[in-house]
Amino acid sequence: MKKILLVGNPNVGKSAIFSRLTGAKVIASNYAGTTVEYTHGYMYKEGEKMEVIDVPGMYSLEPTSKAEAVAVDMLEEFSKEDDILLVNIVDSTNLERNLHLTLQLIKKKIPMLILLNFWDETSHKGITIDCTKTEEIFGIPVIPTCALSGRGINDFVNRIPDGKVSSLDFEEDEKWDVIGKIVEKVQKLQHHHHTFKQMMSELTIRPLSGLIFAVIVLFISFVVIRFIGESLIGYVFEPIFTKLWQPLILDLSGLLGGSGFLHDILIGQLIEGEIVFEESLGLLTTGLFVPLAMVLPYIAAFYLVLNILEDTGYLPRLGVLVDTFLHKLGIHGLSIIPLLLGLGCNVPGALSTRILETRREKFIVSTLMAIAVPCMAQIAMIVGLLGNYGTKALAAVFGTLFVVLVIVGFIMNKLVSGESPEIFTEIPPYRFPYFKGVFKKLWIRVHWFIKEAIPFVLIGVLFINILYTLGIIQFIGRITAPVITGILGLPQSAVGALIVGFLRKDVAVGMLAPLGLSVKQIIIASVVLAMYFPCIATFAVLVKELGVKDMLKSAAIMIISTLIVGGILNLTL
């Protein structure tokens, strides 16, 4: 196994680079015969597993402290192995001091490369370093990095195979003279003022200001999503269905005699002689109205906003910002992307877990998304049901789901075995969105939703109608009464919604409307529907991505968590 040793002066960002490479699962050990601690972990590149060792910081190979002595001993020990790479991390804002150790490492004749860390700080301080010329002088790869934002980490990982023994030669008594000449050739100093984009870039990744900015961005995003979604529903889709589609369906209803098996399948139940698209449950009524008139507007609005956030370069910054928090759940910062995609639709969220490198991360993210991240369609239905009862009712649902996300994630981080290495990412500069590209991606995602979602909705409506007709739902309601009514405090009539929830969560939430539930019961039912199992489309994707064994484990976590949380809500609300 290849070993990568991170070597450099103290406080040059070695630990931050190490954390980005190895993620959450690292091992702290005392070096043999000493009390000096060092950390090591693992990273993956194109399927190859590599050990990364964070060597204690040192200024020189002539040790002046116990930690430096251990660092020198570690270099001697590992330099005897064949497959080893030294990664010399240099503070690029203090090049002259750091190159003292660099020249000593070069004399070891070990394959190495150089990372010029704190690269973002060089422009802020008016420092310009010519990396190409530096690489020519040393004869080894020289990569600018910023451990805070992740800049350059991807380049570093890609250039690991290029590490080699430096071609630079010098005598010991000429060392400082060589350093001075190198610095003079590659570095220039000038006065510099921060640009607005540089200030924004800093503010949006620092913990306090970045968190405030993230809250503002997410709040504005969801306000915009709701405004666009409700506008499309109110001014476009509802008028199309009520003024154009409803007369045609009523004519068809008359031709079918107003009742009967085929009428109930195609049109559903007439309520006081009229079609109520949210409740009739026919293939041509609820089956089309829910995905097209109630869900699609929010899906389109969500992906429009998400595409803009992607193109401006904000999403990677959000990943960096939440990285520390998500590590406590056993996942890294970029896992925020599958979770955000899951807010639009869980299926693309599940598919996007492919960017995660280990089964452990995929399992945790997929399970958390299925349990605690309702899709935009489901969110829209919950808001529609509880919106009239005020923000407290909505906060009870979404606050519960967030608490579940944190607690279940924390527990899985402790119990699920395996590794969670870091995903390497670049932090691009802020850019004005390329709107042609934004709308192209929007069309691709909306087209996918129409193609994939509508068939499942129609199948779900057909399936539930048949179950009602055959009396199966009533039978299931009776045998599950101890759980549904006893633990969760819901009426047996809610069983139908729970069954439909396996097909389409948004349709299932909509089915709660005519049941006459109390606010407490709507809150419990909404939380249970969000948690207990993914819709069939998401389930199919998760089986493919996780495998049957892990999917069964994930399903067990979902069901157990749902019963516990639903029971607690029933007792406390």
Protein backbone atom coordinates (compact mmCIF):
# COMPACT_ATOMS: atom_id res chain seq x y z
CA MET A 1 0.00 0.00 0.00
CA LYS A 2 1.32 3.43 -0.93
CA LYS A 3 2.19 5.67 2.01
CA ILE A 4 1.87 9.45 1.80
CA LEU A 5 3.74 11.43 4.46
CA LEU A 6 2.61 15.00 5.08
CA VAL A 7 5.68 16.92 6.20
CA GLY A 8 6.13 20.60 7.01
CA ASN A 9 6.71 23.32 9.58
CA PRO A 10 4.22 23.64 12.44
CA ASN A 11 1.08 25.63 11.61
CA VAL A 12 1.29 25.31 7.83
CA GLY A 13 -2.12 23.61 7.53
CA LYS A 14 -0.95 19.99 7.55
CA SER A 15 -3.83 18.82 9.73
CA ALA A 16 -6.39 20.59 7.54
CA ILE A 17 -4.93 18.98 4.40
CA PHE A 18 -4.84 15.64 6.21
CA SER A 19 -8.50 16.02 7.21
CA ARG A 20 -9.50 16.81 3.62
CA LEU A 21 -7.72 13.71 2.37
CA THR A 22 -8.87 11.21 4.98
CA GLY A 23 -12.28 12.49 6.10
CA ALA A 24 -13.87 11.53 9.39
CA LYS A 25 -12.31 8.13 10.18
CA VAL A 26 -8.74 8.65 11.37
CA ILE A 27 -6.51 6.89 13.87
CA ALA A 28 -4.46 8.67 16.54
CA SER A 29 -1.40 6.73 17.73
CA ASN A 30 1.62 7.29 19.90
CA TYR A 31 4.88 6.74 18.07
CA ALA A 32 6.65 3.64 19.36
CA GLY A 33 8.45 4.25 22.65
CA THR A 34 7.26 7.86 22.98
CA THR A 35 4.27 9.89 24.13
CA VAL A 36 4.27 11.93 20.92
CA GLU A 37 1.00 11.44 19.05
CA TYR A 38 0.51 11.39 15.30
CA THR A 39 -2.51 10.65 13.14
CA HIS A 40 -2.95 8.45 10.12
CA GLY A 41 -5.88 7.49 7.93
CA TYR A 42 -6.74 6.39 4.42
CA MET A 43 -7.68 7.97 1.12
CA TYR A 44 -8.76 6.52 -2.19
CA LYS A 45 -7.73 7.39 -5.73
CA GLU A 46 -9.37 5.54 -8.59
CA GLY A 47 -10.06 2.61 -6.29
CA GLU A 48 -6.53 2.47 -4.88
CA LYS A 49 -6.30 2.70 -1.10
CA MET A 50 -3.43 4.80 0.27
CA GLU A 51 -2.31 5.44 3.83
CA VAL A 52 -1.87 9.11 4.75
CA ILE A 53 0.38 9.95 7.72
CA ASP A 54 0.40 13.36 9.36
CA VAL A 55 4.00 13.68 10.54
CA PRO A 56 4.50 16.00 13.55
CA GLY A 57 5.53 19.52 12.54
CA MET A 58 9.23 20.34 12.36
CA TYR A 59 11.43 23.23 11.24
CA SER A 60 14.52 21.19 10.48
CA LEU A 61 15.91 17.67 10.25
CA GLU A 62 18.20 18.65 13.14
CA PRO A 63 15.60 18.17 15.93
CA THR A 64 15.35 20.59 18.81
CA SER A 65 12.31 18.98 20.50
CA LYS A 66 10.86 15.54 21.17
CA ALA A 67 8.18 16.05 18.50
CA GLU A 68 10.80 16.98 15.90
CA ALA A 69 12.89 13.98 16.92
CA VAL A 70 9.90 11.70 16.37
CA ALA A 71 9.24 13.33 13.00
CA VAL A 72 12.84 12.69 11.91
CA ASP A 73 12.65 9.07 13.12
CA MET A 74 9.41 8.56 11.19
CA LEU A 75 11.04 9.86 8.02
CA GLU A 76 13.97 7.50 8.50
CA GLU A 77 11.66 4.55 9.15
CA PHE A 78 9.31 5.08 6.21
CA SER A 79 12.05 6.11 3.77
CA LYS A 80 13.20 2.49 3.77
CA GLU A 81 9.95 1.41 2.14
CA ASP A 82 9.55 1.29 -1.62
CA ASP A 83 6.17 2.88 -2.25
CA ILE A 84 6.39 6.17 -0.37
CA LEU A 85 5.71 9.80 -1.24
CA LEU A 86 6.74 12.88 0.75
CA VAL A 87 4.30 15.78 0.53
CA ASN A 88 6.05 18.92 1.72
CA ILE A 89 3.42 21.45 2.82
CA VAL A 90 4.74 25.00 2.60
CA ASP A 91 3.26 28.23 3.92
CA SER A 92 3.24 30.21 0.67
CA THR A 93 3.04 33.51 2.60
CA ASN A 94 6.37 32.72 4.29
CA LEU A 95 8.28 31.03 1.51
CA GLU A 96 11.81 31.77 2.66
CA ARG A 97 11.47 30.23 6.11
CA ASN A 98 9.66 27.11 4.84
CA LEU A 99 12.13 26.33 2.07
CA HIS A 100 14.80 25.59 4.68
CA LEU A 101 13.08 22.28 5.47
CA THR A 102 12.24 21.71 1.79
CA LEU A 103 15.91 21.72 0.80
CA GLN A 104 16.74 19.29 3.61
CA LEU A 105 13.97 16.92 2.49
CA ILE A 106 15.26 17.06 -1.09
CA LYS A 107 18.62 15.71 0.12
CA LYS A 108 16.82 12.56 1.36
CA LYS A 109 16.36 11.56 -2.32
CA ILE A 110 12.77 10.41 -1.70
CA PRO A 111 9.98 10.97 -4.26
CA MET A 112 8.12 14.10 -3.21
CA LEU A 113 5.98 17.01 -4.27
CA ILE A 114 5.33 20.45 -2.79
CA LEU A 115 2.03 22.02 -1.76
CA LEU A 116 2.03 25.82 -1.53
CA ASN A 117 -0.68 26.15 1.12
CA PHE A 118 -2.53 29.33 2.19
CA TRP A 119 -2.58 30.26 -1.49
CA ASP A 120 -5.63 32.49 -0.96
CA GLU A 121 -3.64 34.57 1.50
CA THR A 122 -0.90 35.36 -1.01
CA SER A 123 -3.18 37.53 -3.15
CA HIS A 124 -4.52 39.25 -0.05
CA LYS A 125 -0.97 40.13 0.99
CA GLY A 126 0.16 41.18 -2.46
CA ILE A 127 2.39 38.12 -2.92
CA THR A 128 2.73 36.56 -6.38
CA ILE A 129 4.46 33.19 -6.79
CA ASP A 130 5.24 31.70 -10.18
CA CYS A 131 4.36 28.02 -9.66
CA THR A 132 5.55 26.96 -13.11
CA LYS A 133 9.01 28.45 -12.54
CA THR A 134 9.13 26.98 -9.02
CA GLU A 135 8.36 23.55 -10.45
CA GLU A 136 11.11 23.94 -13.04
CA ILE A 137 13.66 24.86 -10.37
CA PHE A 138 12.84 21.94 -8.05
CA GLY A 139 12.09 19.38 -10.76
CA ILE A 140 9.04 18.07 -8.87
CA PRO A 141 5.32 18.96 -8.90
CA VAL A 142 4.44 22.21 -7.12
CA ILE A 143 0.71 22.71 -6.47
CA PRO A 144 -0.98 25.77 -4.90
CA THR A 145 -3.59 24.80 -2.29
CA CYS A 146 -5.96 26.29 0.22
CA ALA A 147 -6.97 23.81 2.91
CA LEU A 148 -9.81 26.06 4.09
CA SER A 149 -11.68 26.08 0.79
CA GLY A 150 -10.27 22.88 -0.73
CA ARG A 151 -8.66 24.70 -3.64
CA GLY A 152 -5.92 22.68 -5.29
CA ILE A 153 -6.64 19.47 -3.35
CA ASN A 154 -8.05 17.81 -6.43
CA ASP A 155 -4.99 18.83 -8.48
CA PHE A 156 -2.74 17.46 -5.75
CA VAL A 157 -4.52 14.09 -5.71
CA ASN A 158 -4.37 13.83 -9.48
CA ARG A 159 -0.64 14.55 -9.47
CA ILE A 160 0.30 12.02 -6.80
CA PRO A 161 1.66 9.65 -9.48
CA ASP A 162 3.97 12.48 -10.69
CA GLY A 163 5.88 12.65 -7.40
CA LYS A 164 9.59 12.03 -7.93
CA VAL A 165 13.07 12.72 -6.58
CA SER A 166 14.02 16.38 -7.01
CA SER A 167 16.72 17.25 -9.54
CA LEU A 168 17.88 20.28 -7.48
CA ASP A 169 21.49 20.00 -6.17
CA PHE A 170 23.20 22.28 -3.66
CA GLU A 171 25.80 22.18 -0.95
CA GLU A 172 24.90 22.49 2.70
CA ASP A 173 26.92 25.69 3.21
CA GLU A 174 25.11 27.28 0.24
CA LYS A 175 21.62 26.53 1.56
CA TRP A 176 20.47 30.04 2.51
CA ASP A 177 22.07 31.47 -0.60
CA VAL A 178 20.09 28.97 -2.71
CA ILE A 179 16.88 29.84 -0.85
CA GLY A 180 17.42 33.55 -1.47
CA LYS A 181 17.99 33.01 -5.18
CA ILE A 182 14.90 30.79 -5.50
CA VAL A 183 12.67 33.31 -3.71
CA GLU A 184 14.02 36.13 -5.85
CA LYS A 185 13.22 34.22 -9.05
CA VAL A 186 9.70 32.99 -8.19
CA GLN A 187 8.19 35.58 -5.83
CA LYS A 188 7.09 39.19 -6.31
CA LEU A 189 5.66 41.56 -3.71
CA GLN A 190 3.21 44.40 -4.31
CA HIS A 191 0.56 46.42 -2.49
CA HIS A 192 -2.91 44.91 -2.82
CA HIS A 193 -6.50 45.73 -1.81
CA HIS A 194 -9.23 43.11 -1.45
CA THR A 195 -11.75 42.92 -4.27
CA PHE A 196 -15.44 42.58 -3.49
CA LYS A 197 -15.49 38.97 -4.73
CA GLN A 198 -12.48 38.11 -2.54
CA MET A 199 -14.21 39.59 0.51
CA MET A 200 -17.41 37.69 -0.29
CA SER A 201 -15.47 34.49 -0.85
CA GLU A 202 -13.88 34.80 2.59
CA LEU A 203 -17.08 35.79 4.36
CA THR A 204 -19.06 32.87 2.97
CA ILE A 205 -16.71 30.13 4.17
CA ARG A 206 -15.80 31.47 7.62
CA PRO A 207 -17.83 29.82 10.40
CA LEU A 208 -19.79 32.77 11.82
CA SER A 209 -20.28 35.02 8.79
CA GLY A 210 -20.64 31.98 6.54
CA LEU A 211 -23.42 30.52 8.70
CA ILE A 212 -25.31 33.82 8.70
CA PHE A 213 -24.90 34.08 4.93
CA ALA A 214 -26.05 30.47 4.47
CA VAL A 215 -29.21 31.07 6.51
CA ILE A 216 -29.99 34.17 4.43
CA VAL A 217 -29.32 32.37 1.13
CA LEU A 218 -31.43 29.35 2.06
CA PHE A 219 -34.26 31.52 3.40
CA ILE A 220 -34.34 33.60 0.22
CA SER A 221 -34.11 30.43 -1.87
CA PHE A 222 -37.16 28.86 -0.29
CA VAL A 223 -39.13 32.12 -0.44
CA VAL A 224 -38.36 32.30 -4.17
CA ILE A 225 -39.22 28.62 -4.64
CA ARG A 226 -42.56 29.04 -2.89
CA PHE A 227 -43.36 32.25 -4.80
CA ILE A 228 -42.58 30.71 -8.20
CA GLY A 229 -44.33 27.45 -7.34
CA GLU A 230 -47.51 29.07 -6.04
CA SER A 231 -47.59 31.49 -8.97
CA LEU A 232 -47.32 28.67 -11.49
CA ILE A 233 -50.06 26.74 -9.70
CA GLY A 234 -52.43 29.68 -9.29
CA TYR A 235 -52.01 31.33 -12.68
CA VAL A 236 -51.11 28.46 -15.01
CA PHE A 237 -51.81 24.89 -13.95
CA GLU A 238 -54.98 25.15 -11.88
CA PRO A 239 -56.76 27.22 -14.58
CA ILE A 240 -55.75 24.64 -17.21
CA PHE A 241 -57.25 21.81 -15.16
CA THR A 242 -60.38 23.61 -13.91
CA LYS A 243 -61.30 25.49 -17.10
CA LEU A 244 -60.08 23.15 -19.83
CA TRP A 245 -59.62 19.65 -18.45
CA GLN A 246 -62.52 19.43 -15.97
CA PRO A 247 -65.33 19.91 -18.56
CA LEU A 248 -63.88 17.10 -20.68
CA ILE A 249 -63.67 14.77 -17.69
CA LEU A 250 -67.24 15.56 -16.64
CA ASP A 251 -68.41 14.67 -20.15
CA LEU A 252 -66.50 11.40 -19.90
CA SER A 253 -68.06 10.78 -16.49
CA GLY A 254 -71.51 11.15 -18.02
CA LEU A 255 -70.67 8.68 -20.79
CA LEU A 256 -69.54 6.17 -18.15
CA GLY A 257 -72.75 6.56 -16.20
CA GLY A 258 -71.34 8.50 -13.26
CA SER A 259 -70.27 5.40 -11.31
CA GLY A 260 -68.98 1.86 -11.63
CA PHE A 261 -65.60 0.15 -11.55
CA LEU A 262 -64.19 1.70 -14.75
CA HIS A 263 -65.51 5.14 -13.73
CA ASP A 264 -63.87 4.86 -10.32
CA ILE A 265 -60.56 3.82 -11.88
CA LEU A 266 -60.43 6.55 -14.52
CA ILE A 267 -62.24 9.43 -12.82
CA GLY A 268 -62.66 8.44 -9.19
CA GLN A 269 -65.38 9.56 -6.84
CA LEU A 270 -67.54 12.57 -7.66
CA ILE A 271 -67.97 14.81 -4.62
CA GLU A 272 -71.41 16.43 -4.68
CA GLY A 273 -71.50 15.79 -8.41
CA GLU A 274 -68.21 17.59 -9.03
CA ILE A 275 -64.61 16.57 -9.58
CA VAL A 276 -62.24 17.53 -6.75
CA PHE A 277 -58.85 16.93 -8.27
CA GLU A 278 -57.05 16.51 -4.94
CA GLU A 279 -59.53 13.92 -3.61
CA SER A 280 -61.31 12.09 -6.43
CA LEU A 281 -58.41 9.60 -6.84
CA GLY A 282 -58.99 8.78 -10.50
CA LEU A 283 -56.23 8.18 -13.02
CA LEU A 284 -57.37 11.14 -15.13
CA THR A 285 -58.11 13.41 -12.17
CA THR A 286 -55.87 13.06 -9.11
CA GLY A 287 -53.43 10.90 -11.07
CA LEU A 288 -52.61 13.80 -13.42
CA PHE A 289 -53.41 16.79 -11.21
CA VAL A 290 -51.04 15.96 -8.36
CA PRO A 291 -47.81 15.55 -10.38
CA LEU A 292 -48.55 18.23 -12.97
CA ALA A 293 -50.47 20.94 -11.13
CA MET A 294 -49.31 20.50 -7.53
CA VAL A 295 -45.80 19.05 -7.72
CA LEU A 296 -44.21 20.07 -11.02
CA PRO A 297 -44.35 23.83 -10.28
CA TYR A 298 -42.38 23.38 -7.05
CA ILE A 299 -39.96 20.95 -8.70
CA ALA A 300 -39.26 23.44 -11.51
CA ALA A 301 -38.83 26.32 -9.03
CA PHE A 302 -36.51 24.25 -6.81
CA TYR A 303 -34.22 23.16 -9.63
CA LEU A 304 -34.09 26.67 -11.07
CA VAL A 305 -32.80 28.02 -7.75
CA LEU A 306 -30.47 25.04 -7.25
CA ASN A 307 -28.97 25.49 -10.73
CA ILE A 308 -28.29 29.17 -10.03
CA LEU A 309 -26.59 28.31 -6.72
CA GLU A 310 -24.47 25.71 -8.54
CA ASP A 311 -23.44 28.08 -11.32
CA THR A 312 -22.57 30.98 -9.02
CA GLY A 313 -20.17 28.72 -7.13
CA TYR A 314 -22.01 28.86 -3.80
CA LEU A 315 -22.83 25.16 -3.32
CA PRO A 316 -19.17 24.04 -2.83
CA ARG A 317 -18.79 26.83 -0.27
CA LEU A 318 -21.86 25.57 1.54
CA GLY A 319 -20.26 22.13 1.56
CA VAL A 320 -17.09 23.52 3.14
CA LEU A 321 -19.15 25.44 5.69
CA VAL A 322 -21.15 22.42 6.90
CA ASP A 323 -18.21 20.01 6.68
CA THR A 324 -17.42 20.04 10.41
CA PHE A 325 -21.06 19.49 11.38
CA LEU A 326 -21.64 16.70 8.87
CA HIS A 327 -18.47 14.92 9.96
CA LYS A 328 -20.20 14.33 13.29
CA LEU A 329 -22.80 12.39 11.32
CA GLY A 330 -20.11 10.30 9.64
CA ILE A 331 -20.24 12.11 6.30
CA HIS A 332 -18.33 14.98 4.70
CA GLY A 333 -19.38 18.45 3.62
CA LEU A 334 -20.19 17.61 0.00
CA SER A 335 -22.86 15.19 1.23
CA ILE A 336 -24.96 18.33 1.47
CA ILE A 337 -25.43 18.06 -2.31
CA PRO A 338 -27.35 14.72 -2.26
CA LEU A 339 -29.35 16.02 0.70
CA LEU A 340 -30.25 19.23 -1.15
CA LEU A 341 -31.09 17.30 -4.30
CA GLY A 342 -33.28 15.09 -2.12
CA LEU A 343 -35.30 18.16 -1.21
CA GLY A 344 -36.23 18.41 -4.89
CA CYS A 345 -36.78 14.69 -5.37
CA ASN A 346 -35.28 11.79 -3.43
CA VAL A 347 -34.49 9.84 -6.61
CA PRO A 348 -31.81 12.21 -7.99
CA GLY A 349 -30.64 12.63 -4.40
CA ALA A 350 -30.15 8.86 -4.16
CA LEU A 351 -28.43 8.73 -7.54
CA SER A 352 -26.05 11.54 -6.58
CA THR A 353 -24.66 9.46 -3.70
CA ARG A 354 -22.45 7.95 -6.40
CA ILE A 355 -20.07 10.87 -5.82
CA LEU A 356 -19.37 9.40 -2.36
CA GLU A 357 -16.44 7.00 -2.28
CA THR A 358 -17.28 4.43 0.41
CA ARG A 359 -20.27 2.23 1.14
CA ARG A 360 -20.41 3.67 4.65
CA GLU A 361 -20.98 7.20 3.41
CA LYS A 362 -23.51 6.07 0.80
CA PHE A 363 -25.40 4.08 3.42
CA ILE A 364 -25.53 6.91 5.96
CA VAL A 365 -26.46 9.62 3.45
CA SER A 366 -29.08 7.47 1.73
CA THR A 367 -30.68 6.45 5.02
CA LEU A 368 -30.71 9.99 6.38
CA MET A 369 -32.22 11.31 3.16
CA ALA A 370 -34.94 8.65 3.12
CA ILE A 371 -35.80 9.27 6.77
CA ALA A 372 -35.51 13.01 7.24
CA VAL A 373 -35.41 14.79 3.86
CA PRO A 374 -38.92 15.11 2.37
CA CYS A 375 -39.06 15.90 -1.34
CA MET A 376 -40.35 19.27 -2.53
CA ALA A 377 -43.62 17.66 -3.63
CA GLN A 378 -44.20 16.29 -0.14
CA ILE A 379 -43.16 19.58 1.46
CA ALA A 380 -45.67 21.41 -0.73
CA MET A 381 -48.47 19.05 0.37
CA ILE A 382 -47.52 19.37 4.05
CA VAL A 383 -47.48 23.17 3.78
CA GLY A 384 -50.88 23.02 2.09
CA LEU A 385 -52.31 20.84 4.89
CA LEU A 386 -50.81 22.65 7.87
CA GLY A 387 -50.32 26.16 6.53
CA ASN A 388 -53.67 27.35 7.86
CA TYR A 389 -52.69 26.27 11.39
CA GLY A 390 -49.71 28.62 11.56
CA THR A 391 -45.95 28.29 11.69
CA LYS A 392 -45.95 26.28 14.94
CA ALA A 393 -47.58 23.32 13.21
CA LEU A 394 -45.13 23.46 10.30
CA ALA A 395 -42.20 23.90 12.70
CA ALA A 396 -43.32 20.80 14.60
CA VAL A 397 -43.03 18.68 11.44
CA PHE A 398 -39.83 20.06 9.95
CA GLY A 399 -38.17 20.65 13.33
CA THR A 400 -38.81 17.01 14.24
CA LEU A 401 -37.31 15.82 10.97
CA PHE A 402 -34.17 17.93 11.53
CA VAL A 403 -33.72 16.57 15.06
CA VAL A 404 -34.17 13.04 13.68
CA LEU A 405 -31.53 13.75 11.01
CA VAL A 406 -29.01 14.79 13.66
CA ILE A 407 -29.73 12.04 16.20
CA VAL A 408 -29.95 9.15 13.71
CA GLY A 409 -26.86 10.42 11.90
CA PHE A 410 -24.91 10.66 15.15
CA ILE A 411 -25.93 7.12 16.13
CA MET A 412 -25.04 5.68 12.71
CA ASN A 413 -21.66 7.42 12.85
CA LYS A 414 -20.96 5.52 16.06
CA LEU A 415 -22.35 2.15 14.98
CA VAL A 416 -21.83 1.80 11.23
CA SER A 417 -18.42 0.34 10.45
CA GLY A 418 -16.18 1.47 7.63
CA GLU A 419 -14.42 4.63 6.52
CA SER A 420 -15.59 8.08 5.43
CA PRO A 421 -12.78 9.63 3.38
CA GLU A 422 -12.92 13.20 2.18
CA ILE A 423 -14.20 14.10 -1.28
CA PHE A 424 -11.78 16.37 -3.10
CA THR A 425 -13.34 19.53 -4.48
CA GLU A 426 -12.35 22.84 -5.92
CA ILE A 427 -13.89 26.09 -4.72
CA PRO A 428 -14.53 28.04 -7.92
CA PRO A 429 -14.57 31.82 -7.93
CA TYR A 430 -17.95 33.50 -7.78
CA ARG A 431 -19.39 33.86 -11.26
CA PHE A 432 -22.51 35.31 -12.83
CA PRO A 433 -24.74 32.36 -13.83
CA TYR A 434 -24.77 31.29 -17.45
CA PHE A 435 -28.56 31.31 -17.85
CA LYS A 436 -28.63 29.29 -21.05
CA GLY A 437 -26.90 26.51 -19.16
CA VAL A 438 -29.14 27.04 -16.11
CA PHE A 439 -32.32 26.56 -18.14
CA LYS A 440 -30.84 23.64 -20.05
CA LYS A 441 -30.18 21.81 -16.79
CA LEU A 442 -33.65 22.82 -15.59
CA TRP A 443 -35.27 21.27 -18.66
CA ILE A 444 -33.26 18.05 -18.24
CA ARG A 445 -34.35 17.69 -14.61
CA VAL A 446 -37.99 18.63 -15.24
CA HIS A 447 -38.16 16.26 -18.22
CA TRP A 448 -36.76 13.51 -16.04
CA PHE A 449 -39.41 14.21 -13.38
CA ILE A 450 -42.26 14.11 -15.90
CA LYS A 451 -40.95 10.91 -17.44
CA GLU A 452 -40.27 9.10 -14.17
CA ALA A 453 -42.80 10.48 -11.69
CA ILE A 454 -46.10 10.50 -13.56
CA PRO A 455 -46.10 6.73 -14.30
CA PHE A 456 -45.54 5.98 -10.61
CA VAL A 457 -48.34 8.34 -9.59
CA LEU A 458 -50.74 6.68 -12.03
CA ILE A 459 -49.70 3.23 -10.85
CA GLY A 460 -50.18 4.34 -7.24
CA VAL A 461 -53.66 5.73 -7.83
CA LEU A 462 -54.66 2.61 -9.75
CA PHE A 463 -53.21 0.36 -7.06
CA ILE A 464 -54.98 2.09 -4.19
CA ASN A 465 -58.31 2.11 -6.02
CA ILE A 466 -58.08 -1.63 -6.57
CA LEU A 467 -57.17 -2.20 -2.91
CA TYR A 468 -60.16 -0.16 -1.79
CA THR A 469 -62.47 -2.00 -4.17
CA LEU A 470 -61.32 -5.40 -2.94
CA GLY A 471 -61.49 -4.35 0.73
CA ILE A 472 -57.78 -5.02 1.28
CA ILE A 473 -57.06 -1.61 2.80
CA GLN A 474 -59.83 -2.08 5.33
CA PHE A 475 -58.35 -5.49 6.24
CA ILE A 476 -54.84 -4.05 6.65
CA GLY A 477 -56.31 -1.26 8.76
CA ARG A 478 -57.81 -3.79 11.15
CA ILE A 479 -54.67 -5.89 11.62
CA THR A 480 -52.42 -2.85 12.03
CA ALA A 481 -54.79 -1.05 14.40
CA PRO A 482 -52.61 -1.66 17.49
CA VAL A 483 -49.73 0.18 15.81
CA ILE A 484 -51.63 2.83 13.85
CA THR A 485 -54.13 3.76 16.55
CA GLY A 486 -52.26 2.64 19.64
CA ILE A 487 -48.69 3.83 19.15
CA LEU A 488 -49.20 6.58 16.57
CA GLY A 489 -52.67 7.76 17.61
CA LEU A 490 -54.00 7.80 14.04
CA PRO A 491 -57.37 6.49 12.79
CA GLN A 492 -57.56 3.30 10.74
CA SER A 493 -58.55 5.38 7.73
CA ALA A 494 -54.95 6.68 7.61
CA VAL A 495 -53.72 3.23 6.58
CA GLY A 496 -54.60 3.96 2.96
CA ALA A 497 -52.34 7.01 2.97
CA LEU A 498 -49.49 5.00 4.48
CA ILE A 499 -49.80 2.37 1.75
CA VAL A 500 -49.90 4.99 -0.99
CA GLY A 501 -46.86 6.61 0.61
CA PHE A 502 -44.80 3.67 -0.60
CA LEU A 503 -45.76 4.71 -4.14
CA ARG A 504 -45.88 8.52 -3.88
CA LYS A 505 -45.37 10.44 -0.63
CA ASP A 506 -47.01 13.62 -1.95
CA VAL A 507 -50.19 11.78 -2.97
CA ALA A 508 -50.25 10.09 0.43
CA VAL A 509 -50.05 13.42 2.29
CA GLY A 510 -52.84 14.75 0.08
CA MET A 511 -54.99 11.77 1.07
CA LEU A 512 -54.92 12.97 4.69
CA ALA A 513 -56.98 16.05 3.78
CA PRO A 514 -60.46 14.42 3.63
CA LEU A 515 -59.93 12.27 6.75
CA GLY A 516 -60.92 14.99 9.25
CA LEU A 517 -57.74 14.61 11.30
CA SER A 518 -56.84 16.91 14.18
CA VAL A 519 -53.77 19.16 13.94
CA LYS A 520 -51.90 16.73 16.20
CA GLN A 521 -52.79 13.79 13.97
CA ILE A 522 -51.82 15.66 10.79
CA ILE A 523 -48.42 16.49 12.32
CA ILE A 524 -47.84 12.88 13.36
CA ALA A 525 -49.04 11.50 10.01
CA SER A 526 -46.85 13.94 8.08
CA VAL A 527 -43.75 12.99 10.08
CA VAL A 528 -44.52 9.27 9.80
CA LEU A 529 -45.07 9.49 6.05
CA ALA A 530 -41.77 11.32 5.65
CA MET A 531 -39.84 8.78 7.72
CA TYR A 532 -41.24 5.29 7.48
CA PHE A 533 -40.13 4.28 3.98
CA PRO A 534 -39.04 5.86 0.69
CA CYS A 535 -41.38 6.02 -2.27
CA ILE A 536 -41.10 3.10 -4.68
CA ALA A 537 -38.96 5.03 -7.18
CA THR A 538 -36.43 5.98 -4.50
CA PHE A 539 -36.59 2.46 -3.07
CA ALA A 540 -35.73 0.96 -6.47
CA VAL A 541 -32.75 3.30 -6.87
CA LEU A 542 -31.50 2.63 -3.34
CA VAL A 543 -31.65 -1.14 -3.87
CA LYS A 544 -29.51 -0.67 -6.96
CA GLU A 545 -27.05 1.70 -5.23
CA LEU A 546 -26.79 0.01 -1.82
CA GLY A 547 -27.60 -3.61 -2.59
CA VAL A 548 -30.38 -5.70 -1.04
CA LYS A 549 -28.56 -6.38 2.24
CA ASP A 550 -27.79 -2.74 3.04
CA MET A 551 -31.24 -1.65 1.86
CA LEU A 552 -32.85 -4.06 4.31
CA LYS A 553 -30.67 -2.61 7.09
CA SER A 554 -31.65 0.90 6.04
CA ALA A 555 -35.34 -0.06 5.95
CA ALA A 556 -35.11 -1.51 9.46
CA ILE A 557 -33.61 1.78 10.72
CA MET A 558 -36.42 3.71 9.02
CA ILE A 559 -39.24 1.61 10.51
CA ILE A 560 -37.79 1.51 14.03
CA SER A 561 -37.08 5.26 14.00
CA THR A 562 -40.59 5.99 12.72
CA LEU A 563 -42.30 4.01 15.47
CA ILE A 564 -40.15 5.64 18.16
CA VAL A 565 -40.58 9.20 16.86
CA GLY A 566 -44.30 8.76 16.08
CA GLY A 567 -44.89 7.34 19.55
CA ILE A 568 -43.03 10.22 21.21
CA LEU A 569 -45.04 12.78 19.23
CA ASN A 570 -48.29 11.04 20.18
CA LEU A 571 -47.36 11.24 23.86
CA THR A 572 -46.01 14.80 23.88
CA LEU A 573 -48.17 16.84 21.50
